[in-house]
C-alpha atoms as a PDB file:
ATOM      1  CA  MET A   1     -80.011  -6.494   3.314  1.00  0.00           C
ATOM      2  CA  GLN A   2     -82.095  -5.734   0.373  1.00  0.00           C
ATOM      3  CA  SER A   3     -85.527  -4.134   0.450  1.00  0.00           C
ATOM      4  CA  THR A   4     -88.377  -4.942  -1.837  1.00  0.00           C
ATOM      5  CA  ALA A   5     -91.083  -2.362  -2.711  1.00  0.00           C
ATOM      6  CA  LEU A   6     -94.630  -3.615  -2.271  1.00  0.00           C
ATOM      7  CA  SER A   7     -97.591  -1.737  -3.315  1.00  0.00           C
ATOM      8  CA  SER A   8    -100.846  -1.700  -1.358  1.00  0.00           C
ATOM      9  CA  GLY A   9    -103.604   0.088  -3.376  1.00  0.00           C
ATOM     10  CA  SER A  10    -102.234   3.494  -4.259  1.00  0.00           C
ATOM     11  CA  LYS A  11     -99.630   3.603  -1.370  1.00  0.00           C
ATOM     12  CA  THR A  12     -96.127   2.144  -1.987  1.00  0.00           C
ATOM     13  CA  SER A  13     -94.176   1.008   1.069  1.00  0.00           C
ATOM     14  CA  ALA A  14     -90.867  -0.857   1.514  1.00  0.00           C
ATOM     15  CA  MET A  15     -90.265  -3.893   3.714  1.00  0.00           C
ATOM     16  CA  SER A  16     -86.883  -5.431   4.392  1.00  0.00           C
ATOM     17  CA  THR A  17     -86.336  -9.044   3.726  1.00  0.00           C
ATOM     18  CA  ASN A  18     -85.907  -9.838   7.423  1.00  0.00           C
ATOM     19  CA  GLY A  19     -89.700  -9.403   7.797  1.00  0.00           C
ATOM     20  CA  PHE A  20     -89.737  -6.067   9.682  1.00  0.00           C
ATOM     21  CA  SER A  21     -91.628  -3.144   8.376  1.00  0.00           C
ATOM     22  CA  THR A  22     -89.951   0.108   7.647  1.00  0.00           C
ATOM     23  CA  GLU A  23     -90.435   3.225   9.577  1.00  0.00           C
ATOM     24  CA  ASP A  24     -93.017   4.535   7.044  1.00  0.00           C
ATOM     25  CA  ASP A  25     -95.290   1.544   7.646  1.00  0.00           C
ATOM     26  CA  SER A  26     -95.333   1.946  11.468  1.00  0.00           C
ATOM     27  CA  ARG A  27     -96.639   5.445  11.235  1.00  0.00           C
ATOM     28  CA  SER A  28    -100.075   4.496   9.876  1.00  0.00           C
ATOM     29  CA  GLY A  29    -100.818   1.593  12.274  1.00  0.00           C
ATOM     30  CA  HIS A  30    -104.458   2.606  12.824  1.00  0.00           C
ATOM     31  CA  ASP A  31    -105.564   1.971   9.279  1.00  0.00           C
ATOM     32  CA  GLN A  32    -103.726  -1.395   8.691  1.00  0.00           C
ATOM     33  CA  VAL A  33    -105.644  -4.666   8.527  1.00  0.00           C
ATOM     34  CA  CYS A  34    -104.317  -8.014   9.831  1.00  0.00           C
ATOM     35  CA  CYS A  35    -101.538  -9.516   7.607  1.00  0.00           C
ATOM     36  CA  LEU A  36    -102.825 -13.119   7.888  1.00  0.00           C
ATOM     37  CA  ILE A  37    -104.745 -15.356   5.547  1.00  0.00           C
ATOM     38  CA  ASP A  38    -107.146 -17.557   7.446  1.00  0.00           C
ATOM     39  CA  SER A  39    -108.297 -20.689   5.566  1.00  0.00           C
ATOM     40  CA  GLY A  40    -107.724 -19.061   2.235  1.00  0.00           C
ATOM     41  CA  GLU A  41    -109.429 -15.747   2.861  1.00  0.00           C
ATOM     42  CA  LYS A  42    -107.613 -12.510   3.863  1.00  0.00           C
ATOM     43  CA  CYS A  43    -108.474 -11.347   7.464  1.00  0.00           C
ATOM     44  CA  GLN A  44    -110.123  -7.943   7.336  1.00  0.00           C
ATOM     45  CA  ARG A  45    -109.805  -7.135  11.142  1.00  0.00           C
ATOM     46  CA  GLN A  46    -107.820  -4.172  12.206  1.00  0.00           C
ATOM     47  CA  ALA A  47    -104.178  -5.001  12.961  1.00  0.00           C
ATOM     48  CA  GLY A  48    -103.004  -4.628  16.541  1.00  0.00           C
ATOM     49  CA  ASN A  49     -99.475  -4.286  17.856  1.00  0.00           C
ATOM     50  CA  ALA A  50     -98.640  -8.051  17.759  1.00  0.00           C
ATOM     51  CA  SER A  51     -96.439  -9.039  14.937  1.00  0.00           C
ATOM     52  CA  TYR A  52     -96.177 -12.364  12.896  1.00  0.00           C
ATOM     53  CA  SER A  53     -92.713 -13.855  13.464  1.00  0.00           C
ATOM     54  CA  LYS A  54     -90.891 -17.105  13.042  1.00  0.00           C
ATOM     55  CA  ARG A  55     -91.588 -17.902  16.665  1.00  0.00           C
ATOM     56  CA  ILE A  56     -95.331 -18.279  16.055  1.00  0.00           C
ATOM     57  CA  GLN A  57     -95.195 -19.798  12.643  1.00  0.00           C
ATOM     58  CA  ASN A  58     -95.796 -23.342  13.760  1.00  0.00           C
ATOM     59  CA  GLN A  59     -98.830 -22.427  15.849  1.00  0.00           C
ATOM     60  CA  ALA A  60    -100.177 -20.423  12.939  1.00  0.00           C
ATOM     61  CA  ARG A  61     -99.732 -23.216  10.566  1.00  0.00           C
ATOM     62  CA  LYS A  62    -101.793 -25.461  12.874  1.00  0.00           C
ATOM     63  CA  LEU A  63    -104.640 -22.955  12.701  1.00  0.00           C
ATOM     64  CA  LYS A  64    -104.353 -22.869   8.822  1.00  0.00           C
ATOM     65  CA  LEU A  65    -103.061 -19.278   9.025  1.00  0.00           C
ATOM     66  CA  THR A  66    -100.491 -17.958   6.643  1.00  0.00           C
ATOM     67  CA  ARG A  67     -98.925 -14.555   6.126  1.00  0.00           C
ATOM     68  CA  ASP A  68    -100.144 -12.583   3.155  1.00  0.00           C
ATOM     69  CA  GLU A  69     -96.915 -11.868   1.197  1.00  0.00           C
ATOM     70  CA  MET A  70     -98.557  -8.944  -0.401  1.00  0.00           C
ATOM     71  CA  SER A  71     -99.151  -7.200   2.934  1.00  0.00           C
ATOM     72  CA  PRO A  72     -96.780  -4.272   3.518  1.00  0.00           C
ATOM     73  CA  HIS A  73     -96.501  -5.031   7.238  1.00  0.00           C
ATOM     74  CA  ILE A  74     -96.336  -8.046   9.684  1.00  0.00           C
ATOM     75  CA  TYR A  75     -99.009  -6.946  12.205  1.00  0.00           C
ATOM     76  CA  ILE A  76    -101.817  -9.313  13.246  1.00  0.00           C
ATOM     77  CA  CYS A  77    -105.206  -8.714  14.740  1.00  0.00           C
ATOM     78  CA  ASP A  78    -106.053  -9.314  18.366  1.00  0.00           C
ATOM     79  CA  TYR A  79    -108.363 -12.179  17.454  1.00  0.00           C
ATOM     80  CA  HIS A  80    -105.566 -14.244  15.758  1.00  0.00           C
ATOM     81  CA  LYS A  81    -103.141 -13.260  18.488  1.00  0.00           C
ATOM     82  CA  THR A  82    -105.516 -14.752  20.976  1.00  0.00           C
ATOM     83  CA  GLN A  83    -105.918 -17.913  18.923  1.00  0.00           C
ATOM     84  CA  ILE A  84    -102.238 -18.415  18.571  1.00  0.00           C
ATOM     85  CA  GLN A  85    -101.643 -17.869  22.261  1.00  0.00           C
ATOM     86  CA  ASN A  86    -104.350 -20.392  23.169  1.00  0.00           C
ATOM     87  CA  ILE A  87    -102.893 -23.153  20.988  1.00  0.00           C
ATOM     88  CA  ARG A  88     -99.496 -22.538  22.575  1.00  0.00           C
ATOM     89  CA  THR A  89    -100.942 -23.118  26.067  1.00  0.00           C
ATOM     90  CA  LYS A  90    -102.690 -26.329  25.104  1.00  0.00           C
ATOM     91  CA  ARG A  91     -99.468 -28.205  24.152  1.00  0.00           C
ATOM     92  CA  LYS A  92     -99.782 -31.954  24.560  1.00  0.00           C
ATOM     93  CA  ARG A  93     -97.561 -33.533  27.240  1.00  0.00           C
ATOM     94  CA  LYS A  94     -96.896 -37.096  28.244  1.00  0.00           C
ATOM     95  CA  ASP A  95     -99.142 -36.710  31.376  1.00  0.00           C
ATOM     96  CA  SER A  96    -101.842 -34.938  29.406  1.00  0.00           C
ATOM     97  CA  GLU A  97    -105.345 -36.263  29.600  1.00  0.00           C
ATOM     98  CA  ASP A  98    -106.559 -34.152  26.710  1.00  0.00           C
ATOM     99  CA  ASP A  99    -106.517 -37.225  24.438  1.00  0.00           C
ATOM    100  CA  GLN A 100    -109.120 -38.989  26.634  1.00  0.00           C
ATOM    101  CA  GLY A 101    -111.605 -36.142  26.684  1.00  0.00           C
ATOM    102  CA  PHE A 102    -113.371 -37.600  29.662  1.00  0.00           C
ATOM    103  CA  GLN A 103    -111.824 -38.891  32.919  1.00  0.00           C
ATOM    104  CA  ASP A 104    -114.297 -40.940  35.042  1.00  0.00           C
ATOM    105  CA  GLY A 105    -117.267 -39.219  33.274  1.00  0.00           C
ATOM    106  CA  ILE A 106    -116.032 -35.753  34.263  1.00  0.00           C
ATOM    107  CA  GLU A 107    -115.139 -33.282  31.572  1.00  0.00           C
ATOM    108  CA  GLU A 108    -112.741 -30.490  32.388  1.00  0.00           C
ATOM    109  CA  LEU A 109    -114.512 -27.383  31.351  1.00  0.00           C
ATOM    110  CA  ILE A 110    -112.232 -24.584  32.419  1.00  0.00           C
ATOM    111  CA  GLU A 111    -108.537 -24.204  31.297  1.00  0.00           C
ATOM    112  CA  ILE A 112    -106.601 -21.533  33.211  1.00  0.00           C
ATOM    113  CA  ASP A 113    -103.876 -19.910  31.217  1.00  0.00           C
ATOM    114  CA  PHE A 114    -100.947 -19.554  33.649  1.00  0.00           C
ATOM    115  CA  TYR A 115     -98.773 -18.186  30.873  1.00  0.00           C
ATOM    116  CA  GLN A 116    -100.849 -15.033  30.879  1.00  0.00           C
ATOM    117  CA  MET A 117    -100.309 -14.330  34.588  1.00  0.00           C
ATOM    118  CA  PRO A 118     -97.674 -11.979  35.794  1.00  0.00           C
ATOM    119  CA  VAL A 119     -94.430 -13.473  37.138  1.00  0.00           C
ATOM    120  CA  ASN A 120     -95.002 -12.073  40.581  1.00  0.00           C
ATOM    121  CA  THR A 121     -98.409 -13.779  40.813  1.00  0.00           C
ATOM    122  CA  LEU A 122     -96.733 -17.102  39.891  1.00  0.00           C
ATOM    123  CA  ARG A 123     -94.040 -16.531  42.463  1.00  0.00           C
ATOM    124  CA  ARG A 124     -96.630 -15.864  45.151  1.00  0.00           C
ATOM    125  CA  TYR A 125     -98.475 -18.985  44.321  1.00  0.00           C
ATOM    126  CA  LYS A 126     -95.173 -21.007  44.445  1.00  0.00           C
ATOM    127  CA  ARG A 127     -94.315 -19.360  47.847  1.00  0.00           C
ATOM    128  CA  HIS A 128     -97.756 -19.917  49.331  1.00  0.00           C
ATOM    129  CA  PHE A 129     -97.913 -23.641  48.427  1.00  0.00           C
ATOM    130  CA  LYS A 130     -94.103 -24.084  49.150  1.00  0.00           C
ATOM    131  CA  LEU A 131     -93.457 -25.636  45.703  1.00  0.00           C
ATOM    132  CA  SER A 132     -89.985 -26.931  45.428  1.00  0.00           C
ATOM    133  CA  THR A 133     -88.409 -25.826  42.189  1.00  0.00           C
ATOM    134  CA  ARG A 134     -84.888 -24.956  41.197  1.00  0.00           C
ATOM    135  CA  PRO A 135     -83.920 -21.321  41.458  1.00  0.00           C
ATOM    136  CA  GLY A 136     -83.869 -19.070  38.314  1.00  0.00           C
ATOM    137  CA  LEU A 137     -86.809 -20.503  36.430  1.00  0.00           C
ATOM    138  CA  SER A 138     -88.088 -18.652  33.426  1.00  0.00           C
ATOM    139  CA  LYS A 139     -91.681 -17.464  33.388  1.00  0.00           C
ATOM    140  CA  ALA A 140     -92.695 -20.430  31.079  1.00  0.00           C
ATOM    141  CA  GLN A 141     -91.119 -22.901  33.348  1.00  0.00           C
ATOM    142  CA  LEU A 142     -92.635 -21.367  36.489  1.00  0.00           C
ATOM    143  CA  ALA A 143     -96.087 -21.337  34.772  1.00  0.00           C
ATOM    144  CA  ASP A 144     -95.690 -25.054  33.912  1.00  0.00           C
ATOM    145  CA  ALA A 145     -94.759 -25.860  37.505  1.00  0.00           C
ATOM    146  CA  VAL A 146     -97.744 -23.866  38.939  1.00  0.00           C
ATOM    147  CA  ALA A 147    -100.163 -25.357  36.300  1.00  0.00           C
ATOM    148  CA  SER A 148     -99.057 -29.009  37.237  1.00  0.00           C
ATOM    149  CA  HIS A 149     -99.521 -28.304  40.908  1.00  0.00           C
ATOM    150  CA  PHE A 150    -102.854 -26.566  40.452  1.00  0.00           C
ATOM    151  CA  LYS A 151    -104.179 -29.623  38.600  1.00  0.00           C
ATOM    152  CA  THR A 152    -103.399 -31.833  41.590  1.00  0.00           C
ATOM    153  CA  ILE A 153    -105.353 -29.772  44.065  1.00  0.00           C
ATOM    154  CA  PRO A 154    -108.608 -31.807  44.919  1.00  0.00           C
ATOM    155  CA  VAL A 155    -111.785 -29.826  44.859  1.00  0.00           C
ATOM    156  CA  VAL A 156    -115.154 -31.032  45.987  1.00  0.00           C
ATOM    157  CA  GLU A 157    -117.305 -28.826  43.742  1.00  0.00           C
ATOM    158  CA  LYS A 158    -120.573 -29.139  45.595  1.00  0.00           C
ATOM    159  CA  GLU A 159    -119.044 -28.173  48.923  1.00  0.00           C
ATOM    160  CA  THR A 160    -117.146 -25.316  47.366  1.00  0.00           C
ATOM    161  CA  LEU A 161    -120.287 -23.916  45.807  1.00  0.00           C
ATOM    162  CA  GLN A 162    -122.314 -24.251  49.000  1.00  0.00           C
ATOM    163  CA  MET A 163    -119.617 -22.437  50.932  1.00  0.00           C
ATOM    164  CA  PHE A 164    -119.407 -19.652  48.386  1.00  0.00           C
ATOM    165  CA  PHE A 165    -123.126 -19.093  48.404  1.00  0.00           C
ATOM    166  CA  TYR A 166    -123.286 -19.253  52.236  1.00  0.00           C
ATOM    167  CA  THR A 167    -120.490 -16.640  52.432  1.00  0.00           C
ATOM    168  CA  THR A 168    -121.995 -14.280  49.980  1.00  0.00           C
ATOM    169  CA  LYS A 169    -125.350 -14.392  51.706  1.00  0.00           C
ATOM    170  CA  THR A 170    -124.254 -14.160  55.323  1.00  0.00           C
ATOM    171  CA  LYS A 171    -121.307 -11.847  55.181  1.00  0.00           C
ATOM    172  CA  ARG A 172    -121.690  -8.128  54.886  1.00  0.00           C
ATOM    173  CA  PHE A 173    -119.265  -6.652  52.403  1.00  0.00           C
ATOM    174  CA  ASP A 174    -119.118  -2.994  53.460  1.00  0.00           C
ATOM    175  CA  SER A 175    -117.381  -0.425  51.245  1.00  0.00           C
ATOM    176  CA  LYS A 176    -114.381   1.505  52.511  1.00  0.00           C
ATOM    177  CA  ASP A 177    -116.119   4.852  52.540  1.00  0.00           C
ATOM    178  CA  THR A 178    -118.894   3.724  54.944  1.00  0.00           C
ATOM    179  CA  THR A 179    -118.546   4.905  58.529  1.00  0.00           C
END
């Protein structure tokens, strides 16, 4: 592997051709800015610990994000990390109704990101609702199964809200330290 020296202002740093920063770059993480170019302009947000990789290239391309080749590192800001994660969870599927926008005059307002939930939570959901899935599912497959089941649960919004308000008004929620 060959390294190329890139200069950033007065500081010179080396990055290997496989895209990973050298040890010198990782020491000064708190003063680095995002390595992405957003719609032609360099992002000026502080870089987080998420890195730009081949795995997220396609999602980044959809958002008109490119990696700044002059950047001495591959770290991206939390804002772009969230944007890329959100586009990943909104993948179109055959049974998706996102193309229609409205279904029977009702717009779906809230999208739950099951991919962000811990595996144990997904497993508890699966166990509670007795979902039949094959053993040994990955987290993504488990999240897909839970999400598809969750979308099939019928909810009468008016009744649910009435029960919520009734419960909060009539039940006393005592703290544990009260005797």
